Amino acid sequence: MKYSVIEKFNIDNGPGTRVVLWTQGCAHHCPGCHNPHTWKLNFGKDFTENERNLIMDYLDEYFPKDFSILGGEPLHPQNRDGVIELCNYIKENRPETNIWLWSGYELDEIIDDKRIFEYIDTLVLGRFKIELKGKFKYFGSSNQKLYHTSLQAFDKVGEGILLNKNNKVSLKSIE
C-alpha cells in the first residue's frame, strides 16, 4: 500500500476527532477532484509497520480518536489489501474505533470483497462529479452515498441494505 499523508488530528473527515490516512494512487481521475496530487500510483511512501504503529499511537494520544481513510483511492488494487489489513489490525487492538472510508467505487464494484464490510463502519462511495457538487457534510457531490456497515445495526442506508449479525456484516439484498 502507498500513502501520501497521515494526519494526527482532523475534524473534517467524519464525526468527532479523527486520525486520517490519505492513500496514494487513483485511477478514477474525477474532474474537480480535491486531491489530484494523490492520483499517481508510483508516488507516495510505502506503508510499513512503523506507519501502522504511528497511527495506533495517534489514536490513543491525548484523547480517544477515530479513524478515516481517504485518497487517492483506498480500494485501488494497489491499496486494498493493505487498507483492509490495517482496519483489521485496528479493530483487533482497538475495537471501539470507528472507521470511515471514502472510495470512488460504487457499491456494485466492491460488493464481492466482503472483507471491506467486516472492518469499516462507514463507507462513502461514488466518484466525485463536479456537476453535482454541493455543500454536503461528508461528501462532495450528490451522487455519492453513505453506507453504515459493521458494528452498527442499520437496516437501510442509501440504496443498499446492510445488516449486522453477531458483529459480522451480511448483505441481505442490494437493489
Protein backbone atom coordinates (compact mmCIF):
# COMPACT_ATOMS: atom_id res chain seq x y z
CA MET A 1 0.00 0.00 0.00
CA LYS A 2 1.13 3.54 -0.77
CA TYR A 3 0.17 6.59 1.22
CA SER A 4 0.53 10.33 0.88
CA VAL A 5 -0.05 11.72 4.39
CA ILE A 6 -1.03 10.62 7.89
CA GLU A 7 -2.84 13.33 9.84
CA LYS A 8 -2.70 13.20 13.62
CA PHE A 9 -5.80 15.36 14.18
CA ASN A 10 -8.70 16.05 11.84
CA ILE A 11 -12.29 17.19 12.41
CA ASP A 12 -13.44 17.42 8.77
CA ASN A 13 -13.50 13.80 7.60
CA GLY A 14 -16.05 12.02 9.77
CA PRO A 15 -17.69 12.78 13.08
CA GLY A 16 -15.60 13.81 16.07
CA THR A 17 -11.82 13.92 16.12
CA ARG A 18 -10.02 11.57 13.81
CA VAL A 19 -6.67 10.31 12.62
CA VAL A 20 -6.63 10.34 8.81
CA LEU A 21 -4.70 8.23 6.32
CA TRP A 22 -4.52 9.61 2.78
CA THR A 23 -3.69 6.77 0.40
CA GLN A 24 -1.73 7.31 -2.79
CA GLY A 25 -2.90 6.18 -6.22
CA CYS A 26 -6.22 6.58 -8.00
CA ALA A 27 -7.38 5.55 -11.45
CA HIS A 28 -10.71 7.44 -11.34
CA HIS A 29 -9.25 10.92 -12.06
CA CYS A 30 -12.54 12.68 -11.33
CA PRO A 31 -12.66 16.19 -12.83
CA GLY A 32 -12.59 18.71 -9.99
CA CYS A 33 -11.05 16.25 -7.52
CA HIS A 34 -9.84 17.92 -4.33
CA ASN A 35 -6.71 15.71 -4.21
CA PRO A 36 -5.25 15.23 -7.72
CA HIS A 37 -1.76 15.10 -6.18
CA THR A 38 -2.72 11.64 -4.82
CA TRP A 39 -3.54 10.13 -8.24
CA LYS A 40 -0.09 8.90 -9.31
CA LEU A 41 0.35 5.24 -8.38
CA ASN A 42 4.14 5.34 -8.21
CA PHE A 43 4.29 8.38 -5.89
CA GLY A 44 3.85 8.45 -2.15
CA LYS A 45 5.50 6.36 0.51
CA ASP A 46 5.33 2.67 1.29
CA PHE A 47 3.09 1.93 4.25
CA THR A 48 5.02 -0.16 6.79
CA GLU A 49 4.66 -1.43 10.33
CA ASN A 50 6.15 1.89 11.51
CA GLU A 51 3.24 3.84 9.99
CA ARG A 52 0.75 1.36 11.41
CA ASN A 53 2.25 1.83 14.88
CA LEU A 54 2.24 5.60 14.43
CA ILE A 55 -1.50 5.50 13.62
CA MET A 56 -2.17 3.40 16.72
CA ASP A 57 -0.19 5.89 18.84
CA TYR A 58 -2.11 8.81 17.33
CA LEU A 59 -5.44 7.09 18.02
CA ASP A 60 -4.65 7.00 21.74
CA GLU A 61 -2.73 10.23 22.15
CA TYR A 62 -4.35 12.95 24.30
CA PHE A 63 -7.87 11.57 23.99
CA PRO A 64 -9.53 8.79 22.01
CA LYS A 65 -9.91 9.43 18.31
CA ASP A 66 -11.50 7.58 15.43
CA PHE A 67 -10.01 6.81 12.02
CA SER A 68 -10.70 7.88 8.43
CA ILE A 69 -9.16 6.68 5.17
CA LEU A 70 -9.27 8.81 2.03
CA GLY A 71 -7.14 9.19 -1.04
CA GLY A 72 -6.21 8.75 -3.75
CA GLU A 73 -8.26 5.60 -3.82
CA PRO A 74 -8.07 3.40 -0.72
CA LEU A 75 -9.70 0.49 -2.55
CA HIS A 76 -7.47 0.64 -5.63
CA PRO A 77 -5.94 -2.84 -6.15
CA GLN A 78 -2.54 -1.44 -5.08
CA ASN A 79 -4.01 -0.33 -1.73
CA ARG A 80 -6.97 -2.58 -0.95
CA ASP A 81 -5.26 -5.46 0.86
CA GLY A 82 -3.12 -3.08 2.92
CA VAL A 83 -6.13 -0.94 3.87
CA ILE A 84 -8.15 -3.98 4.91
CA GLU A 85 -5.22 -5.41 6.91
CA LEU A 86 -4.81 -2.06 8.68
CA CYS A 87 -8.53 -1.83 9.50
CA ASN A 88 -8.49 -5.42 10.78
CA TYR A 89 -5.47 -4.63 12.97
CA ILE A 90 -7.15 -1.53 14.39
CA LYS A 91 -10.39 -3.42 15.16
CA GLU A 92 -8.48 -6.30 16.81
CA ASN A 93 -6.46 -3.95 19.02
CA ARG A 94 -8.89 -1.09 19.49
CA PRO A 95 -12.39 -2.43 18.70
CA GLU A 96 -14.15 0.76 19.79
CA THR A 97 -12.50 2.74 16.98
CA ASN A 98 -15.00 3.98 14.42
CA ILE A 99 -13.54 3.65 10.90
CA TRP A 100 -14.76 5.63 7.87
CA LEU A 101 -13.52 5.12 4.30
CA TRP A 102 -14.11 7.20 1.16
CA SER A 103 -13.92 5.49 -2.23
CA GLY A 104 -14.77 6.43 -5.79
CA TYR A 105 -16.01 2.90 -6.41
CA GLU A 106 -19.73 2.17 -6.45
CA LEU A 107 -21.19 -0.47 -4.15
CA ASP A 108 -21.66 -2.97 -7.01
CA GLU A 109 -17.94 -2.65 -7.84
CA ILE A 110 -16.77 -3.72 -4.37
CA ILE A 111 -19.66 -5.88 -3.11
CA ASP A 112 -17.83 -9.16 -3.80
CA ASP A 113 -14.99 -8.32 -1.40
CA LYS A 114 -16.78 -8.99 1.90
CA ARG A 115 -13.66 -8.11 3.94
CA ILE A 116 -14.41 -4.43 3.39
CA PHE A 117 -17.68 -4.71 5.31
CA GLU A 118 -16.17 -6.50 8.31
CA TYR A 119 -13.81 -3.77 9.49
CA ILE A 120 -15.11 -0.47 8.14
CA ASP A 121 -18.04 1.14 9.96
CA THR A 122 -18.99 3.73 7.34
CA LEU A 123 -18.31 3.84 3.62
CA VAL A 124 -18.77 6.92 1.44
CA LEU A 125 -18.96 5.59 -2.11
CA GLY A 126 -19.14 7.03 -5.60
CA ARG A 127 -16.99 9.07 -7.93
CA PHE A 128 -16.97 12.82 -7.37
CA LYS A 129 -18.98 14.59 -10.08
CA ILE A 130 -18.29 18.29 -10.29
CA GLU A 131 -21.66 18.98 -11.95
CA LEU A 132 -23.36 17.54 -8.84
CA LYS A 133 -21.10 19.36 -6.36
CA GLY A 134 -22.80 20.72 -3.28
CA LYS A 135 -22.22 21.65 0.33
CA PHE A 136 -22.60 18.26 1.95
CA LYS A 137 -21.17 17.37 5.33
CA TYR A 138 -19.20 14.24 4.40
CA PHE A 139 -19.10 14.04 0.61
CA GLY A 140 -18.63 16.33 -2.35
CA SER A 141 -21.37 15.52 -4.87
CA SER A 142 -24.98 14.43 -4.57
CA ASN A 143 -24.45 11.10 -6.36
CA GLN A 144 -22.20 9.82 -3.58
CA LYS A 145 -23.79 7.52 -0.99
CA LEU A 146 -23.04 6.93 2.66
CA TYR A 147 -23.33 3.33 3.92
CA HIS A 148 -23.13 2.35 7.58
CA THR A 149 -21.85 -1.19 7.83
CA SER A 150 -20.21 -3.09 10.68
CA LEU A 151 -20.79 -2.82 14.43
CA GLN A 152 -23.99 -0.84 13.92
CA ALA A 153 -27.37 -2.38 13.09
CA PHE A 154 -28.68 -0.19 10.33
CA ASP A 155 -31.42 -1.77 8.25
CA LYS A 156 -31.33 0.56 5.29
CA VAL A 157 -28.90 3.25 4.30
CA GLY A 158 -28.77 4.81 0.85
CA GLU A 159 -29.65 2.31 -1.84
CA GLY A 160 -28.20 -0.81 -0.26
CA ILE A 161 -29.27 -2.88 2.71
CA LEU A 162 -26.51 -3.98 5.03
CA LEU A 163 -27.28 -5.98 8.16
CA ASN A 164 -25.13 -6.81 11.16
CA LYS A 165 -25.42 -10.19 12.86
CA ASN A 166 -23.07 -11.08 15.71
CA ASN A 167 -20.69 -8.29 14.70
CA LYS A 168 -20.39 -9.72 11.20
CA VAL A 169 -21.93 -7.94 8.28
CA SER A 170 -24.05 -9.87 5.86
CA LEU A 171 -25.75 -8.46 2.83
CA LYS A 172 -29.50 -9.01 2.87
CA SER A 173 -30.12 -7.63 -0.56
CA ILE A 174 -28.69 -4.97 -2.77
CA GLU A 175 -31.13 -3.40 -5.18
